Structures are given as structure tokens and as C-alpha cells.
């Protein structure tokens, strides 16, 4: 998974966990709502400043928005056996 997708999933998840709409998050972070939507759809890359502003509003560390999910166990292939 590319880092842009990781960020998009984490942003959406953190926003929903706080019970915020895209519009409310955008308002609190002083960012356009359509930009939030684009970030959550992996359309744009967020600058480090934007990542920090969003994290502050969400009450989390900026690094949490970039943290990859734990690897899912893979099925063994015939070569692994």
C-alpha cells in the first residue's frame, strides 16, 4: 500500500472516530472541505504542514496519520513449503 493510501485511510478513520464530518474537520483545520475529500480519496499528497494541522485538530500525533497497518499474514505459496 502506498503512503498516500495509508494517509487517506488513517485520516478518514481518525476523523470518523472523532465524529467529525469532512466539513467540520476542514473548518477547524482551516482547509477547504474539497481538499479533505481529495486527501481521503488519495487524489492529492498532503504537505507536512497540512498533516500537522490535521493531526492537531484530531488530537493525535502527526505520525499516526502515516503509520502503516500491521502486515496481514500471507498464505504460503508452493515455494514456501
N, C-alpha and C. Protein backbone atom coordinates (compact mmCIF):
# COMPACT_ATOMS: atom_id res chain seq x y z
N UNK A 1 0.85 -1.17 0.00
CA UNK A 1 0.00 0.00 0.00
C UNK A 1 0.90 1.24 0.00
N UNK A 2 0.62 2.17 -0.87
CA UNK A 2 1.40 3.40 -0.96
C UNK A 2 1.09 4.31 0.21
N UNK A 3 2.04 5.16 0.57
CA UNK A 3 1.89 6.04 1.73
C UNK A 3 0.68 6.97 1.59
N UNK A 4 0.37 7.37 0.37
CA UNK A 4 -0.80 8.23 0.16
C UNK A 4 -2.08 7.50 0.57
N UNK A 5 -2.15 6.20 0.26
CA UNK A 5 -3.31 5.40 0.64
C UNK A 5 -3.35 5.19 2.15
N UNK A 6 -2.20 4.97 2.75
CA UNK A 6 -2.11 4.81 4.20
C UNK A 6 -2.64 6.08 4.88
N UNK A 7 -2.15 7.23 4.41
CA UNK A 7 -2.60 8.51 4.97
C UNK A 7 -4.10 8.68 4.81
N UNK A 8 -4.62 8.37 3.63
CA UNK A 8 -6.05 8.53 3.35
C UNK A 8 -6.89 7.69 4.31
N UNK A 9 -6.51 6.43 4.48
CA UNK A 9 -7.27 5.55 5.39
C UNK A 9 -7.20 6.02 6.83
N UNK A 10 -5.98 6.41 7.26
CA UNK A 10 -5.82 6.86 8.63
C UNK A 10 -6.55 8.17 8.90
N UNK A 11 -6.53 9.07 7.94
CA UNK A 11 -7.24 10.34 8.09
C UNK A 11 -8.74 10.10 8.22
N UNK A 12 -9.29 9.31 7.33
CA UNK A 12 -10.73 9.02 7.38
C UNK A 12 -11.10 8.34 8.69
N UNK A 13 -10.31 7.37 9.09
CA UNK A 13 -10.57 6.63 10.32
C UNK A 13 -10.52 7.55 11.55
N UNK A 14 -9.49 8.39 11.63
CA UNK A 14 -9.35 9.30 12.77
C UNK A 14 -10.48 10.33 12.78
N UNK A 15 -10.84 10.83 11.62
CA UNK A 15 -11.93 11.81 11.53
C UNK A 15 -13.24 11.20 12.00
N UNK A 16 -13.54 10.00 11.52
CA UNK A 16 -14.78 9.34 11.90
C UNK A 16 -14.78 8.97 13.39
N UNK A 17 -13.63 8.58 13.91
CA UNK A 17 -13.53 8.23 15.33
C UNK A 17 -13.83 9.44 16.22
N UNK A 18 -13.51 10.63 15.73
CA UNK A 18 -13.80 11.87 16.47
C UNK A 18 -15.21 12.37 16.20
N UNK A 19 -15.92 11.70 15.30
CA UNK A 19 -17.29 12.11 14.98
C UNK A 19 -17.36 13.39 14.19
N UNK A 20 -16.33 13.67 13.41
CA UNK A 20 -16.30 14.90 12.63
C UNK A 20 -16.66 14.64 11.18
N UNK A 21 -17.40 15.55 10.60
CA UNK A 21 -17.63 15.50 9.15
C UNK A 21 -16.40 16.07 8.46
N UNK A 22 -16.30 15.83 7.17
CA UNK A 22 -15.20 16.43 6.41
C UNK A 22 -15.27 17.95 6.52
N UNK A 23 -16.47 18.48 6.48
CA UNK A 23 -16.66 19.92 6.55
C UNK A 23 -16.18 20.49 7.88
N UNK A 24 -16.52 19.82 8.98
CA UNK A 24 -16.11 20.30 10.31
C UNK A 24 -14.60 20.20 10.48
N UNK A 25 -14.00 19.10 10.04
CA UNK A 25 -12.55 18.96 10.10
C UNK A 25 -11.88 20.06 9.29
N UNK A 26 -12.37 20.29 8.10
CA UNK A 26 -11.81 21.33 7.24
C UNK A 26 -11.90 22.70 7.90
N UNK A 27 -13.05 22.99 8.48
CA UNK A 27 -13.25 24.28 9.15
C UNK A 27 -12.25 24.46 10.29
N UNK A 28 -12.13 23.43 11.13
CA UNK A 28 -11.24 23.52 12.30
C UNK A 28 -9.77 23.61 11.91
N UNK A 29 -9.41 22.98 10.78
CA UNK A 29 -8.01 22.98 10.32
C UNK A 29 -7.73 24.12 9.34
N UNK A 30 -8.76 24.90 9.02
CA UNK A 30 -8.65 26.00 8.07
C UNK A 30 -8.16 25.50 6.71
N UNK A 31 -8.84 24.44 6.25
CA UNK A 31 -8.54 23.80 4.96
C UNK A 31 -9.88 23.66 4.21
N UNK A 32 -9.84 23.74 2.91
CA UNK A 32 -11.06 23.59 2.12
C UNK A 32 -11.61 22.17 2.24
N UNK A 33 -12.93 22.03 2.35
CA UNK A 33 -13.55 20.72 2.51
C UNK A 33 -13.26 19.81 1.33
N UNK A 34 -13.23 20.36 0.13
CA UNK A 34 -12.98 19.52 -1.03
C UNK A 34 -11.56 18.96 -1.00
N UNK A 35 -10.64 19.68 -0.36
CA UNK A 35 -9.27 19.20 -0.23
C UNK A 35 -9.23 18.00 0.73
N UNK A 36 -10.01 18.08 1.82
CA UNK A 36 -10.10 16.94 2.76
C UNK A 36 -10.63 15.72 2.00
N UNK A 37 -11.67 15.92 1.22
CA UNK A 37 -12.24 14.82 0.44
C UNK A 37 -11.19 14.23 -0.50
N UNK A 38 -10.44 15.08 -1.15
CA UNK A 38 -9.40 14.62 -2.08
C UNK A 38 -8.30 13.86 -1.35
N UNK A 39 -7.93 14.31 -0.16
CA UNK A 39 -6.93 13.60 0.63
C UNK A 39 -7.43 12.21 1.02
N UNK A 40 -8.70 12.13 1.42
CA UNK A 40 -9.27 10.85 1.82
C UNK A 40 -9.46 9.89 0.65
N UNK A 41 -9.43 10.41 -0.56
CA UNK A 41 -9.55 9.57 -1.76
C UNK A 41 -8.20 9.36 -2.43
N UNK A 42 -7.14 9.78 -1.78
CA UNK A 42 -5.77 9.63 -2.29
C UNK A 42 -5.53 10.37 -3.61
N UNK A 43 -6.25 11.46 -3.80
CA UNK A 43 -6.07 12.24 -5.03
C UNK A 43 -4.84 13.14 -4.93
N UNK A 44 -4.66 13.76 -3.76
CA UNK A 44 -3.54 14.68 -3.56
C UNK A 44 -2.61 14.18 -2.47
N UNK A 45 -1.36 14.66 -2.54
CA UNK A 45 -0.41 14.47 -1.45
C UNK A 45 -0.56 15.64 -0.49
N UNK A 46 -0.55 15.37 0.80
CA UNK A 46 -0.62 16.44 1.79
C UNK A 46 0.79 16.89 2.14
N UNK A 47 0.96 18.18 2.31
CA UNK A 47 2.24 18.68 2.78
C UNK A 47 2.40 18.32 4.25
N UNK A 48 3.60 18.37 4.74
CA UNK A 48 3.85 18.05 6.15
C UNK A 48 3.13 19.04 7.06
N UNK A 49 2.99 20.28 6.61
CA UNK A 49 2.27 21.28 7.40
C UNK A 49 0.79 20.93 7.51
N UNK A 50 0.22 20.45 6.42
CA UNK A 50 -1.20 20.06 6.44
C UNK A 50 -1.39 18.83 7.31
N UNK A 51 -0.48 17.87 7.22
CA UNK A 51 -0.56 16.68 8.07
C UNK A 51 -0.55 17.11 9.54
N UNK A 52 0.32 18.04 9.88
CA UNK A 52 0.40 18.51 11.26
C UNK A 52 -0.87 19.23 11.68
N UNK A 53 -1.41 20.08 10.85
CA UNK A 53 -2.66 20.81 11.19
C UNK A 53 -3.81 19.84 11.41
N UNK A 54 -3.92 18.84 10.56
CA UNK A 54 -4.99 17.85 10.71
C UNK A 54 -4.80 17.04 11.99
N UNK A 55 -3.57 16.65 12.28
CA UNK A 55 -3.30 15.88 13.49
C UNK A 55 -3.65 16.67 14.74
N UNK A 56 -3.31 17.94 14.75
CA UNK A 56 -3.63 18.79 15.91
C UNK A 56 -5.14 18.82 16.13
N UNK A 57 -5.89 19.03 15.08
CA UNK A 57 -7.36 19.07 15.19
C UNK A 57 -7.90 17.72 15.65
N UNK A 58 -7.31 16.65 15.16
CA UNK A 58 -7.78 15.31 15.51
C UNK A 58 -7.26 14.84 16.87
N UNK A 59 -6.35 15.60 17.45
CA UNK A 59 -5.83 15.26 18.78
C UNK A 59 -4.91 14.05 18.78
N UNK A 60 -4.16 13.88 17.69
CA UNK A 60 -3.23 12.76 17.59
C UNK A 60 -1.88 13.28 17.11
N UNK A 61 -0.87 12.44 17.21
CA UNK A 61 0.45 12.77 16.68
C UNK A 61 0.41 12.66 15.15
N UNK A 62 1.13 13.53 14.48
CA UNK A 62 1.16 13.52 13.02
C UNK A 62 1.59 12.15 12.48
N UNK A 63 2.51 11.51 13.17
CA UNK A 63 2.98 10.20 12.74
C UNK A 63 1.90 9.14 12.69
N UNK A 64 0.86 9.30 13.51
CA UNK A 64 -0.25 8.34 13.49
C UNK A 64 -0.97 8.34 12.15
N UNK A 65 -0.98 9.48 11.48
CA UNK A 65 -1.64 9.56 10.18
C UNK A 65 -0.83 8.87 9.09
N UNK A 66 0.44 8.59 9.37
CA UNK A 66 1.31 7.97 8.37
C UNK A 66 1.67 6.54 8.73
N UNK A 67 1.15 6.05 9.84
CA UNK A 67 1.50 4.71 10.30
C UNK A 67 0.81 3.65 9.44
N UNK A 68 1.62 2.73 8.94
CA UNK A 68 1.08 1.64 8.13
C UNK A 68 0.39 0.63 9.04
N UNK A 69 -0.66 -0.01 8.53
CA UNK A 69 -1.32 -1.05 9.33
C UNK A 69 -0.40 -2.26 9.45
N UNK A 70 -0.60 -3.07 10.50
CA UNK A 70 0.23 -4.28 10.62
C UNK A 70 0.04 -5.16 9.38
N UNK A 71 1.11 -5.83 9.02
CA UNK A 71 1.06 -6.72 7.86
C UNK A 71 0.07 -7.85 8.11
N UNK A 72 -0.72 -8.15 7.10
CA UNK A 72 -1.63 -9.29 7.20
C UNK A 72 -0.84 -10.55 6.88
N UNK A 73 -1.11 -11.65 7.58
CA UNK A 73 -0.40 -12.88 7.25
C UNK A 73 -0.70 -13.30 5.82
N UNK A 74 0.32 -13.74 5.14
CA UNK A 74 0.16 -14.17 3.76
C UNK A 74 0.01 -15.68 3.70
N UNK A 75 -0.74 -16.11 2.74
CA UNK A 75 -0.90 -17.55 2.53
C UNK A 75 0.41 -18.11 1.99
N UNK A 76 0.87 -19.24 2.49
CA UNK A 76 2.11 -19.80 1.96
C UNK A 76 1.93 -20.24 0.51
N UNK A 77 2.97 -20.05 -0.27
CA UNK A 77 2.95 -20.50 -1.66
C UNK A 77 3.64 -21.85 -1.72
N UNK A 78 3.58 -22.49 -2.85
CA UNK A 78 4.23 -23.79 -3.01
C UNK A 78 5.73 -23.69 -2.79
N UNK A 79 6.32 -22.51 -3.09
CA UNK A 79 7.74 -22.31 -2.92
C UNK A 79 8.12 -22.25 -1.45
N UNK A 80 7.16 -21.81 -0.58
CA UNK A 80 7.41 -21.70 0.85
C UNK A 80 7.37 -23.03 1.55
N UNK A 81 6.75 -24.01 0.95
CA UNK A 81 6.55 -25.31 1.62
C UNK A 81 7.78 -26.16 1.56
